[in-house]
Amino acid sequence: MAFRPDHELHRRRFGRNLGLGLVLVAFVAIVFGLTVVKVTNGDPMQGFDHSLRPEMTGKAGQ
């Protein structure tokens, strides 16, 4: 049983899917890179938990 050649519509659809896949991979790589840079920066990361901490006022060392 021989395969029939692909229709022109399938070739165009494959090209669009490939382009979208590459864009998504690039987006994931950018987000991953930014995450790695932020984590390895060494700055203490604190979430906003609706409570006042001395570090937030700028008078922590006084």
C-alpha atoms as a PDB file:
ATOM      1  CA  MET A   1       0.000   0.000   0.000  1.00  0.00           C
ATOM      2  CA  ALA A   2       1.577   3.233  -1.121  1.00  0.00           C
ATOM      3  CA  PHE A   3       1.072   6.519   0.658  1.00  0.00           C
ATOM      4  CA  ARG A   4      -0.529   9.299  -1.298  1.00  0.00           C
ATOM      5  CA  PRO A   5       1.433  12.545  -1.540  1.00  0.00           C
ATOM      6  CA  ASP A   6       0.514  15.218   0.987  1.00  0.00           C
ATOM      7  CA  HIS A   7      -1.976  17.807  -0.034  1.00  0.00           C
ATOM      8  CA  GLU A   8      -0.719  21.372  -0.374  1.00  0.00           C
ATOM      9  CA  LEU A   9      -2.918  22.404   2.564  1.00  0.00           C
ATOM     10  CA  HIS A  10      -1.119  19.954   4.851  1.00  0.00           C
ATOM     11  CA  ARG A  11       2.275  21.316   3.869  1.00  0.00           C
ATOM     12  CA  ARG A  12       1.166  24.887   4.641  1.00  0.00           C
ATOM     13  CA  ARG A  13      -0.365  23.815   7.938  1.00  0.00           C
ATOM     14  CA  PHE A  14       2.857  22.006   8.889  1.00  0.00           C
ATOM     15  CA  GLY A  15       4.870  25.147   8.162  1.00  0.00           C
ATOM     16  CA  ARG A  16       2.610  27.241  10.388  1.00  0.00           C
ATOM     17  CA  ASN A  17       2.713  24.652  13.156  1.00  0.00           C
ATOM     18  CA  LEU A  18       6.487  24.499  12.958  1.00  0.00           C
ATOM     19  CA  GLY A  19       6.734  28.291  13.152  1.00  0.00           C
ATOM     20  CA  LEU A  20       4.396  28.448  16.136  1.00  0.00           C
ATOM     21  CA  GLY A  21       6.334  25.681  17.857  1.00  0.00           C
ATOM     22  CA  LEU A  22       9.593  27.576  17.397  1.00  0.00           C
ATOM     23  CA  VAL A  23       8.026  30.769  18.789  1.00  0.00           C
ATOM     24  CA  LEU A  24       6.763  28.878  21.845  1.00  0.00           C
ATOM     25  CA  VAL A  25      10.159  27.262  22.426  1.00  0.00           C
ATOM     26  CA  ALA A  26      11.814  30.702  22.197  1.00  0.00           C
ATOM     27  CA  PHE A  27       9.321  32.131  24.706  1.00  0.00           C
ATOM     28  CA  VAL A  28       9.964  29.289  27.161  1.00  0.00           C
ATOM     29  CA  ALA A  29      13.725  29.764  26.751  1.00  0.00           C
ATOM     30  CA  ILE A  30      13.442  33.501  27.487  1.00  0.00           C
ATOM     31  CA  VAL A  31      11.323  32.920  30.594  1.00  0.00           C
ATOM     32  CA  PHE A  32      13.691  30.182  31.786  1.00  0.00           C
ATOM     33  CA  GLY A  33      16.712  32.411  31.196  1.00  0.00           C
ATOM     34  CA  LEU A  34      15.176  35.299  33.104  1.00  0.00           C
ATOM     35  CA  THR A  35      14.310  32.957  35.967  1.00  0.00           C
ATOM     36  CA  VAL A  36      17.842  31.582  36.139  1.00  0.00           C
ATOM     37  CA  VAL A  37      19.335  35.072  36.133  1.00  0.00           C
ATOM     38  CA  LYS A  38      16.986  36.244  38.885  1.00  0.00           C
ATOM     39  CA  VAL A  39      17.651  33.214  41.082  1.00  0.00           C
ATOM     40  CA  THR A  40      21.437  33.294  40.648  1.00  0.00           C
ATOM     41  CA  ASN A  41      21.626  37.061  41.148  1.00  0.00           C
ATOM     42  CA  GLY A  42      22.049  36.511  44.885  1.00  0.00           C
ATOM     43  CA  ASP A  43      19.639  39.199  46.048  1.00  0.00           C
ATOM     44  CA  PRO A  44      17.277  38.105  48.775  1.00  0.00           C
ATOM     45  CA  MET A  45      13.870  37.505  47.277  1.00  0.00           C
ATOM     46  CA  GLN A  46      10.879  38.270  49.442  1.00  0.00           C
ATOM     47  CA  GLY A  47       7.256  38.018  48.514  1.00  0.00           C
ATOM     48  CA  PHE A  48       4.704  40.688  49.317  1.00  0.00           C
ATOM     49  CA  ASP A  49       2.782  39.316  52.281  1.00  0.00           C
ATOM     50  CA  HIS A  50       0.943  42.470  53.433  1.00  0.00           C
ATOM     51  CA  SER A  51       3.108  42.988  56.502  1.00  0.00           C
ATOM     52  CA  LEU A  52       5.579  45.781  57.185  1.00  0.00           C
ATOM     53  CA  ARG A  53       9.166  44.642  57.593  1.00  0.00           C
ATOM     54  CA  PRO A  54      12.132  46.819  58.575  1.00  0.00           C
ATOM     55  CA  GLU A  55      13.779  46.130  55.199  1.00  0.00           C
ATOM     56  CA  MET A  56      10.908  47.870  53.447  1.00  0.00           C
ATOM     57  CA  THR A  57      11.312  51.202  55.248  1.00  0.00           C
ATOM     58  CA  GLY A  58      15.013  51.691  54.556  1.00  0.00           C
ATOM     59  CA  LYS A  59      15.760  52.135  58.262  1.00  0.00           C
ATOM     60  CA  ALA A  60      16.806  48.550  58.903  1.00  0.00           C
ATOM     61  CA  GLY A  61      20.342  49.305  60.042  1.00  0.00           C
ATOM     62  CA  GLN A  62      19.509  52.156  62.428  1.00  0.00           C
END
